C-alpha atoms as a PDB file:
ATOM      1  CA  MET A   1      15.283   2.967 -46.231  1.00  0.00           C
ATOM      2  CA  ASP A   2      18.311   4.536 -44.572  1.00  0.00           C
ATOM      3  CA  ALA A   3      19.731   7.692 -46.117  1.00  0.00           C
ATOM      4  CA  GLU A   4      22.546   7.271 -48.601  1.00  0.00           C
ATOM      5  CA  GLU A   5      26.095   8.023 -47.552  1.00  0.00           C
ATOM      6  CA  VAL A   6      27.100  11.678 -47.676  1.00  0.00           C
ATOM      7  CA  THR A   7      29.470  12.108 -50.625  1.00  0.00           C
ATOM      8  CA  ASP A   8      31.574  14.949 -52.052  1.00  0.00           C
ATOM      9  CA  THR A   9      30.508  14.127 -55.626  1.00  0.00           C
ATOM     10  CA  ALA A  10      27.230  12.833 -57.029  1.00  0.00           C
ATOM     11  CA  PRO A  11      26.506   9.196 -56.094  1.00  0.00           C
ATOM     12  CA  ARG A  12      25.023   8.547 -59.552  1.00  0.00           C
ATOM     13  CA  PRO A  13      24.914  10.308 -62.945  1.00  0.00           C
ATOM     14  CA  ALA A  14      22.200  12.924 -63.268  1.00  0.00           C
ATOM     15  CA  GLY A  15      21.285  11.691 -66.764  1.00  0.00           C
ATOM     16  CA  ARG A  16      21.121  13.788 -69.908  1.00  0.00           C
ATOM     17  CA  THR A  17      21.647  17.486 -69.326  1.00  0.00           C
ATOM     18  CA  LEU A  18      18.361  19.330 -68.978  1.00  0.00           C
ATOM     19  CA  PHE A  19      20.044  22.569 -68.011  1.00  0.00           C
ATOM     20  CA  SER A  20      23.396  23.815 -66.711  1.00  0.00           C
ATOM     21  CA  GLN A  21      24.314  26.604 -64.322  1.00  0.00           C
ATOM     22  CA  GLY A  22      27.343  28.280 -62.827  1.00  0.00           C
ATOM     23  CA  TRP A  23      27.116  28.995 -59.101  1.00  0.00           C
ATOM     24  CA  ARG A  24      29.597  31.692 -58.015  1.00  0.00           C
ATOM     25  CA  ASP A  25      30.491  33.450 -54.735  1.00  0.00           C
ATOM     26  CA  VAL A  26      28.265  31.129 -52.731  1.00  0.00           C
ATOM     27  CA  ALA A  27      27.682  31.817 -49.029  1.00  0.00           C
ATOM     28  CA  PHE A  28      26.246  29.031 -46.873  1.00  0.00           C
ATOM     29  CA  VAL A  29      24.675  30.354 -43.653  1.00  0.00           C
ATOM     30  CA  HIS A  30      22.992  27.650 -41.569  1.00  0.00           C
ATOM     31  CA  TRP A  31      21.036  27.184 -38.369  1.00  0.00           C
ATOM     32  CA  ALA A  32      20.570  23.792 -36.699  1.00  0.00           C
ATOM     33  CA  VAL A  33      16.965  23.087 -35.676  1.00  0.00           C
ATOM     34  CA  ASP A  34      14.805  20.332 -34.271  1.00  0.00           C
ATOM     35  CA  PRO A  35      13.454  18.109 -37.086  1.00  0.00           C
ATOM     36  CA  ALA A  36       9.923  18.843 -35.851  1.00  0.00           C
ATOM     37  CA  VAL A  37      10.380  22.434 -37.067  1.00  0.00           C
ATOM     38  CA  ALA A  38      11.123  21.380 -40.642  1.00  0.00           C
ATOM     39  CA  ALA A  39       8.929  18.296 -41.033  1.00  0.00           C
ATOM     40  CA  PRO A  40       5.609  20.120 -41.720  1.00  0.00           C
ATOM     41  CA  LEU A  41       7.289  22.150 -44.482  1.00  0.00           C
ATOM     42  CA  LEU A  42       8.548  19.180 -46.537  1.00  0.00           C
ATOM     43  CA  PRO A  43       6.843  17.479 -49.502  1.00  0.00           C
ATOM     44  CA  PRO A  44       4.917  14.233 -48.930  1.00  0.00           C
ATOM     45  CA  GLY A  45       7.158  11.187 -48.932  1.00  0.00           C
ATOM     46  CA  THR A  46      10.179  13.018 -47.534  1.00  0.00           C
ATOM     47  CA  ARG A  47      11.448  13.551 -44.005  1.00  0.00           C
ATOM     48  CA  PRO A  48      14.031  15.876 -42.465  1.00  0.00           C
ATOM     49  CA  ASP A  49      17.582  14.768 -43.142  1.00  0.00           C
ATOM     50  CA  THR A  50      19.675  14.959 -39.986  1.00  0.00           C
ATOM     51  CA  THR A  51      23.285  15.054 -38.908  1.00  0.00           C
ATOM     52  CA  PRO A  52      24.423  12.384 -36.402  1.00  0.00           C
ATOM     53  CA  ASP A  53      23.441  14.642 -33.482  1.00  0.00           C
ATOM     54  CA  GLY A  54      19.790  14.356 -34.555  1.00  0.00           C
ATOM     55  CA  ARG A  55      19.437  17.934 -35.773  1.00  0.00           C
ATOM     56  CA  THR A  56      18.336  19.113 -39.187  1.00  0.00           C
ATOM     57  CA  TRP A  57      19.311  22.412 -40.772  1.00  0.00           C
ATOM     58  CA  VAL A  58      17.886  25.588 -42.292  1.00  0.00           C
ATOM     59  CA  GLY A  59      20.058  27.211 -44.942  1.00  0.00           C
ATOM     60  CA  LEU A  60      20.240  30.801 -46.188  1.00  0.00           C
ATOM     61  CA  VAL A  61      22.302  30.693 -49.386  1.00  0.00           C
ATOM     62  CA  PRO A  62      23.052  33.816 -51.469  1.00  0.00           C
ATOM     63  CA  PHE A  63      25.156  33.571 -54.638  1.00  0.00           C
ATOM     64  CA  ARG A  64      25.660  34.726 -58.219  1.00  0.00           C
ATOM     65  CA  MET A  65      24.011  32.590 -60.894  1.00  0.00           C
ATOM     66  CA  ARG A  66      26.016  32.522 -64.114  1.00  0.00           C
ATOM     67  CA  ARG A  67      24.963  31.614 -67.650  1.00  0.00           C
ATOM     68  CA  ILE A  68      22.111  29.139 -67.398  1.00  0.00           C
ATOM     69  CA  GLY A  69      22.139  26.821 -70.410  1.00  0.00           C
ATOM     70  CA  VAL A  70      19.293  24.621 -71.657  1.00  0.00           C
ATOM     71  CA  LEU A  71      19.637  21.120 -73.191  1.00  0.00           C
ATOM     72  CA  GLY A  72      23.389  21.437 -73.544  1.00  0.00           C
ATOM     73  CA  SER A  73      23.293  24.850 -75.236  1.00  0.00           C
ATOM     74  CA  PRO A  74      25.869  27.514 -74.347  1.00  0.00           C
ATOM     75  CA  GLY A  75      24.946  29.490 -71.262  1.00  0.00           C
ATOM     76  CA  LEU A  76      22.883  32.627 -71.737  1.00  0.00           C
ATOM     77  CA  PRO A  77      25.067  35.609 -70.751  1.00  0.00           C
ATOM     78  CA  TRP A  78      22.359  38.116 -69.739  1.00  0.00           C
ATOM     79  CA  VAL A  79      19.004  36.496 -69.045  1.00  0.00           C
ATOM     80  CA  GLY A  80      20.788  33.464 -67.588  1.00  0.00           C
ATOM     81  CA  SER A  81      22.932  35.456 -65.152  1.00  0.00           C
ATOM     82  CA  PHE A  82      21.478  36.991 -61.997  1.00  0.00           C
ATOM     83  CA  LEU A  83      21.714  37.187 -58.219  1.00  0.00           C
ATOM     84  CA  GLU A  84      19.871  34.664 -56.075  1.00  0.00           C
ATOM     85  CA  THR A  85      19.245  33.990 -52.390  1.00  0.00           C
ATOM     86  CA  ASN A  86      17.460  30.814 -51.377  1.00  0.00           C
ATOM     87  CA  VAL A  87      16.094  29.456 -48.120  1.00  0.00           C
ATOM     88  CA  ARG A  88      16.369  25.686 -48.019  1.00  0.00           C
ATOM     89  CA  LEU A  89      15.708  22.655 -45.866  1.00  0.00           C
ATOM     90  CA  TYR A  90      17.374  19.238 -45.878  1.00  0.00           C
ATOM     91  CA  SER A  91      15.375  16.203 -46.950  1.00  0.00           C
ATOM     92  CA  VAL A  92      15.620  12.479 -47.582  1.00  0.00           C
ATOM     93  CA  ASP A  93      13.045  10.316 -49.377  1.00  0.00           C
ATOM     94  CA  ALA A  94      11.887   6.711 -49.085  1.00  0.00           C
ATOM     95  CA  SER A  95      14.636   5.630 -51.520  1.00  0.00           C
ATOM     96  CA  GLY A  96      17.299   7.149 -49.278  1.00  0.00           C
ATOM     97  CA  ARG A  97      18.110   9.973 -51.686  1.00  0.00           C
ATOM     98  CA  ARG A  98      19.305  13.086 -49.881  1.00  0.00           C
ATOM     99  CA  GLY A  99      18.244  16.451 -51.219  1.00  0.00           C
ATOM    100  CA  VAL A 100      17.114  19.950 -50.439  1.00  0.00           C
ATOM    101  CA  VAL A 101      13.680  21.539 -50.375  1.00  0.00           C
ATOM    102  CA  PHE A 102      13.520  25.185 -51.374  1.00  0.00           C
ATOM    103  CA  ARG A 103      11.177  27.316 -49.304  1.00  0.00           C
ATOM    104  CA  SER A 104      11.967  30.434 -51.343  1.00  0.00           C
ATOM    105  CA  LEU A 105      14.332  31.520 -54.104  1.00  0.00           C
ATOM    106  CA  ASP A 106      14.711  35.278 -54.561  1.00  0.00           C
ATOM    107  CA  ALA A 107      16.248  36.427 -57.858  1.00  0.00           C
ATOM    108  CA  ASP A 108      16.699  39.805 -59.511  1.00  0.00           C
ATOM    109  CA  ARG A 109      15.896  38.823 -63.129  1.00  0.00           C
ATOM    110  CA  LEU A 110      12.161  38.638 -63.846  1.00  0.00           C
ATOM    111  CA  LEU A 111      12.145  36.306 -66.861  1.00  0.00           C
ATOM    112  CA  PRO A 112      13.947  33.417 -65.105  1.00  0.00           C
ATOM    113  CA  VAL A 113      11.608  33.924 -62.134  1.00  0.00           C
ATOM    114  CA  LEU A 114       8.552  33.518 -64.366  1.00  0.00           C
ATOM    115  CA  VAL A 115       9.970  30.452 -66.138  1.00  0.00           C
ATOM    116  CA  ALA A 116      10.957  28.793 -62.854  1.00  0.00           C
ATOM    117  CA  ARG A 117       7.558  29.491 -61.299  1.00  0.00           C
ATOM    118  CA  ALA A 118       5.912  27.837 -64.305  1.00  0.00           C
ATOM    119  CA  ALA A 119       8.014  24.758 -63.464  1.00  0.00           C
ATOM    120  CA  GLY A 120       6.699  24.821 -59.900  1.00  0.00           C
ATOM    121  CA  LEU A 121       9.737  26.324 -58.154  1.00  0.00           C
ATOM    122  CA  PRO A 122       9.040  29.041 -55.536  1.00  0.00           C
ATOM    123  CA  TYR A 123      11.024  31.827 -57.223  1.00  0.00           C
ATOM    124  CA  LEU A 124      10.331  35.446 -56.304  1.00  0.00           C
ATOM    125  CA  TRP A 125      11.385  38.655 -58.013  1.00  0.00           C
ATOM    126  CA  SER A 126      13.564  40.883 -55.846  1.00  0.00           C
ATOM    127  CA  ARG A 127      15.822  43.904 -56.031  1.00  0.00           C
ATOM    128  CA  MET A 128      19.294  42.549 -55.209  1.00  0.00           C
ATOM    129  CA  ARG A 129      22.912  43.636 -54.978  1.00  0.00           C
ATOM    130  CA  PHE A 130      26.288  41.963 -54.489  1.00  0.00           C
ATOM    131  CA  ASP A 131      29.385  43.886 -53.315  1.00  0.00           C
ATOM    132  CA  ARG A 132      32.956  42.740 -52.778  1.00  0.00           C
ATOM    133  CA  ASP A 133      35.584  44.621 -50.777  1.00  0.00           C
ATOM    134  CA  GLY A 134      38.653  42.427 -50.461  1.00  0.00           C
ATOM    135  CA  ASP A 135      37.642  39.437 -48.361  1.00  0.00           C
ATOM    136  CA  ARG A 136      34.322  41.048 -47.329  1.00  0.00           C
ATOM    137  CA  LEU A 137      31.219  40.156 -49.335  1.00  0.00           C
ATOM    138  CA  THR A 138      27.781  41.733 -48.986  1.00  0.00           C
ATOM    139  CA  TYR A 139      24.510  40.399 -50.386  1.00  0.00           C
ATOM    140  CA  THR A 140      21.339  42.501 -50.138  1.00  0.00           C
ATOM    141  CA  SER A 141      17.791  41.842 -51.327  1.00  0.00           C
ATOM    142  CA  ARG A 142      14.325  43.380 -51.140  1.00  0.00           C
ATOM    143  CA  ARG A 143      11.360  41.455 -52.537  1.00  0.00           C
ATOM    144  CA  ARG A 144       9.206  42.960 -55.293  1.00  0.00           C
ATOM    145  CA  TRP A 145       6.761  40.211 -56.319  1.00  0.00           C
ATOM    146  CA  PRO A 146       4.744  38.271 -55.441  1.00  0.00           C
ATOM    147  CA  GLY A 147       5.341  38.818 -51.745  1.00  0.00           C
ATOM    148  CA  PRO A 148       5.437  39.320 -48.933  1.00  0.00           C
ATOM    149  CA  ARG A 149       6.514  42.532 -50.620  1.00  0.00           C
ATOM    150  CA  GLY A 150       9.565  44.105 -49.015  1.00  0.00           C
ATOM    151  CA  ALA A 151      10.875  40.900 -47.434  1.00  0.00           C
ATOM    152  CA  GLY A 152      14.631  40.711 -47.704  1.00  0.00           C
ATOM    153  CA  GLY A 153      17.811  41.303 -45.818  1.00  0.00           C
ATOM    154  CA  ARG A 154      21.507  42.040 -45.728  1.00  0.00           C
ATOM    155  CA  ILE A 155      24.189  39.375 -45.364  1.00  0.00           C
ATOM    156  CA  GLU A 156      27.796  40.452 -44.889  1.00  0.00           C
ATOM    157  CA  LEU A 157      30.636  38.012 -44.325  1.00  0.00           C
ATOM    158  CA  ARG A 158      34.403  37.770 -44.290  1.00  0.00           C
ATOM    159  CA  VAL A 159      35.936  34.896 -46.249  1.00  0.00           C
ATOM    160  CA  GLY A 160      38.548  32.834 -44.429  1.00  0.00           C
ATOM    161  CA  ALA A 161      41.007  30.093 -45.279  1.00  0.00           C
ATOM    162  CA  ARG A 162      40.398  27.192 -47.639  1.00  0.00           C
ATOM    163  CA  LEU A 163      39.198  24.052 -45.850  1.00  0.00           C
ATOM    164  CA  THR A 164      41.540  21.278 -46.905  1.00  0.00           C
ATOM    165  CA  ASP A 165      39.553  18.602 -45.080  1.00  0.00           C
ATOM    166  CA  PRO A 166      35.899  19.633 -44.571  1.00  0.00           C
ATOM    167  CA  GLY A 167      34.230  18.012 -41.583  1.00  0.00           C
ATOM    168  CA  PRO A 168      31.059  15.920 -41.553  1.00  0.00           C
ATOM    169  CA  VAL A 169      28.724  18.883 -41.045  1.00  0.00           C
ATOM    170  CA  GLU A 170      30.316  20.861 -43.884  1.00  0.00           C
ATOM    171  CA  ARG A 171      30.016  17.847 -46.185  1.00  0.00           C
ATOM    172  CA  PHE A 172      26.409  17.221 -45.123  1.00  0.00           C
ATOM    173  CA  LEU A 173      25.364  20.812 -45.842  1.00  0.00           C
ATOM    174  CA  THR A 174      27.014  21.044 -49.263  1.00  0.00           C
ATOM    175  CA  GLY A 175      26.909  17.467 -50.620  1.00  0.00           C
ATOM    176  CA  ARG A 176      23.371  17.698 -52.014  1.00  0.00           C
ATOM    177  CA  TRP A 177      22.689  15.907 -55.281  1.00  0.00           C
ATOM    178  CA  GLY A 178      19.093  16.783 -55.983  1.00  0.00           C
ATOM    179  CA  LEU A 179      16.040  18.686 -54.879  1.00  0.00           C
ATOM    180  CA  HIS A 180      12.693  17.371 -53.745  1.00  0.00           C
ATOM    181  CA  GLN A 181       9.732  19.203 -55.233  1.00  0.00           C
ATOM    182  CA  THR A 182       5.980  18.728 -55.407  1.00  0.00           C
ATOM    183  CA  ALA A 183       4.865  18.775 -59.053  1.00  0.00           C
ATOM    184  CA  CYS A 184       1.426  17.806 -60.400  1.00  0.00           C
ATOM    185  CA  GLY A 185       0.484  16.346 -57.045  1.00  0.00           C
ATOM    186  CA  ARG A 186       3.581  14.135 -56.814  1.00  0.00           C
ATOM    187  CA  THR A 187       6.883  14.501 -55.028  1.00  0.00           C
ATOM    188  CA  ARG A 188       9.647  14.492 -57.623  1.00  0.00           C
ATOM    189  CA  TYR A 189      13.430  14.350 -57.326  1.00  0.00           C
ATOM    190  CA  TRP A 190      15.511  16.590 -59.588  1.00  0.00           C
ATOM    191  CA  PRO A 191      19.124  15.280 -59.690  1.00  0.00           C
ATOM    192  CA  ASN A 192      22.256  17.321 -60.267  1.00  0.00           C
ATOM    193  CA  GLU A 193      25.982  16.760 -60.399  1.00  0.00           C
ATOM    194  CA  HIS A 194      29.055  18.958 -60.103  1.00  0.00           C
ATOM    195  CA  PRO A 195      32.673  18.790 -58.878  1.00  0.00           C
ATOM    196  CA  ALA A 196      33.392  18.741 -55.162  1.00  0.00           C
ATOM    197  CA  TRP A 197      32.864  22.142 -53.562  1.00  0.00           C
ATOM    198  CA  PRO A 198      36.011  24.199 -52.860  1.00  0.00           C
ATOM    199  CA  LEU A 199      35.053  25.373 -49.375  1.00  0.00           C
ATOM    200  CA  HIS A 200      36.371  28.167 -47.161  1.00  0.00           C
ATOM    201  CA  SER A 201      35.653  29.087 -43.588  1.00  0.00           C
ATOM    202  CA  ALA A 202      33.761  32.356 -43.195  1.00  0.00           C
ATOM    203  CA  GLU A 203      32.709  34.788 -40.487  1.00  0.00           C
ATOM    204  CA  LEU A 204      29.237  36.299 -40.538  1.00  0.00           C
ATOM    205  CA  LEU A 205      29.550  40.036 -39.897  1.00  0.00           C
ATOM    206  CA  THR A 206      25.930  41.052 -40.487  1.00  0.00           C
ATOM    207  CA  TRP A 207      22.607  39.305 -40.915  1.00  0.00           C
ATOM    208  CA  ASP A 208      19.613  41.578 -40.771  1.00  0.00           C
ATOM    209  CA  GLY A 209      16.426  40.490 -42.488  1.00  0.00           C
ATOM    210  CA  ASP A 210      13.216  38.512 -42.553  1.00  0.00           C
ATOM    211  CA  LEU A 211      13.733  36.017 -45.389  1.00  0.00           C
ATOM    212  CA  LEU A 212      13.602  33.090 -42.974  1.00  0.00           C
ATOM    213  CA  ALA A 213      10.352  34.244 -41.399  1.00  0.00           C
ATOM    214  CA  ALA A 214       8.863  34.915 -44.840  1.00  0.00           C
ATOM    215  CA  ALA A 215       9.717  31.305 -45.757  1.00  0.00           C
ATOM    216  CA  GLY A 216       7.741  29.972 -42.790  1.00  0.00           C
ATOM    217  CA  LEU A 217      10.690  29.724 -40.409  1.00  0.00           C
ATOM    218  CA  PRO A 218      10.345  32.421 -37.738  1.00  0.00           C
ATOM    219  CA  GLY A 219      12.394  32.466 -34.571  1.00  0.00           C
ATOM    220  CA  LEU A 220      15.838  31.916 -36.102  1.00  0.00           C
ATOM    221  CA  GLY A 221      17.250  35.302 -35.231  1.00  0.00           C
ATOM    222  CA  GLY A 222      20.237  34.039 -33.244  1.00  0.00           C
ATOM    223  CA  PRO A 223      23.775  33.478 -34.515  1.00  0.00           C
ATOM    224  CA  PRO A 224      24.062  30.742 -37.161  1.00  0.00           C
ATOM    225  CA  ASP A 225      25.666  27.402 -36.346  1.00  0.00           C
ATOM    226  CA  SER A 226      27.674  27.180 -39.570  1.00  0.00           C
ATOM    227  CA  VAL A 227      29.013  29.767 -42.038  1.00  0.00           C
ATOM    228  CA  LEU A 228      30.903  28.701 -45.167  1.00  0.00           C
ATOM    229  CA  PHE A 229      31.914  30.196 -48.500  1.00  0.00           C
ATOM    230  CA  SER A 230      32.775  28.778 -51.900  1.00  0.00           C
ATOM    231  CA  PRO A 231      34.030  30.529 -55.036  1.00  0.00           C
ATOM    232  CA  GLY A 232      31.658  28.176 -56.823  1.00  0.00           C
ATOM    233  CA  VAL A 233      31.147  25.217 -59.137  1.00  0.00           C
ATOM    234  CA  ASP A 234      29.583  24.478 -62.524  1.00  0.00           C
ATOM    235  CA  VAL A 235      26.451  22.355 -62.227  1.00  0.00           C
ATOM    236  CA  ARG A 236      24.238  20.341 -64.524  1.00  0.00           C
ATOM    237  CA  PHE A 237      20.727  19.057 -63.824  1.00  0.00           C
ATOM    238  CA  GLY A 238      19.144  15.962 -65.310  1.00  0.00           C
ATOM    239  CA  PRO A 239      15.439  15.196 -65.836  1.00  0.00           C
ATOM    240  CA  ARG A 240      13.116  15.012 -62.845  1.00  0.00           C
ATOM    241  CA  LEU A 241      12.531  11.514 -61.524  1.00  0.00           C
END
């Protein structure tokens, strides 16, 4: 089946709220790659999702997680708030549902890492820091457990103007309404919904690290093909399908 249309809001309700999250100060740093690079890293039953030029994308996405809530409960202010940086790929399944596949998710709060790993998500415990100096934002990380120990990096960017009319690539990279995950030997789809992203242009000032290589994606040391920023959205996830 062909992939669903790219949309700015979820194409269908996510169902009852399994958990909620606030995503804040989100940087989207992306490299375009040949689909053959990503295909071996995707779960069975999915294929690389591509932009009209035939390329798929590798994303490096640092942000601040705020107040995770469970089953509609109020968000947890301490244990549910932490820094995260994920490496993700872009996927589509046989039903045409577009999603992401996480290759790694570094976070600086151990308890959420342990809970997420029990659910089959590739979370890793890292030492992390976020700094803001006017329109300059810096995200740093250094992995603690389980490894490769010491993997990490430094991402520094300058936030630009608000995008009043995001283009097709910007919409493709941010309009993701679920994640594909292998669980109990099956590929599952975990839907989410949130308001349309408020997006800004951004300039990458520094990227120095090995998170991409540690996620099985070496050789992406050149300048990224897309850099975006968002102040964030509130998100809710439904049950896995």
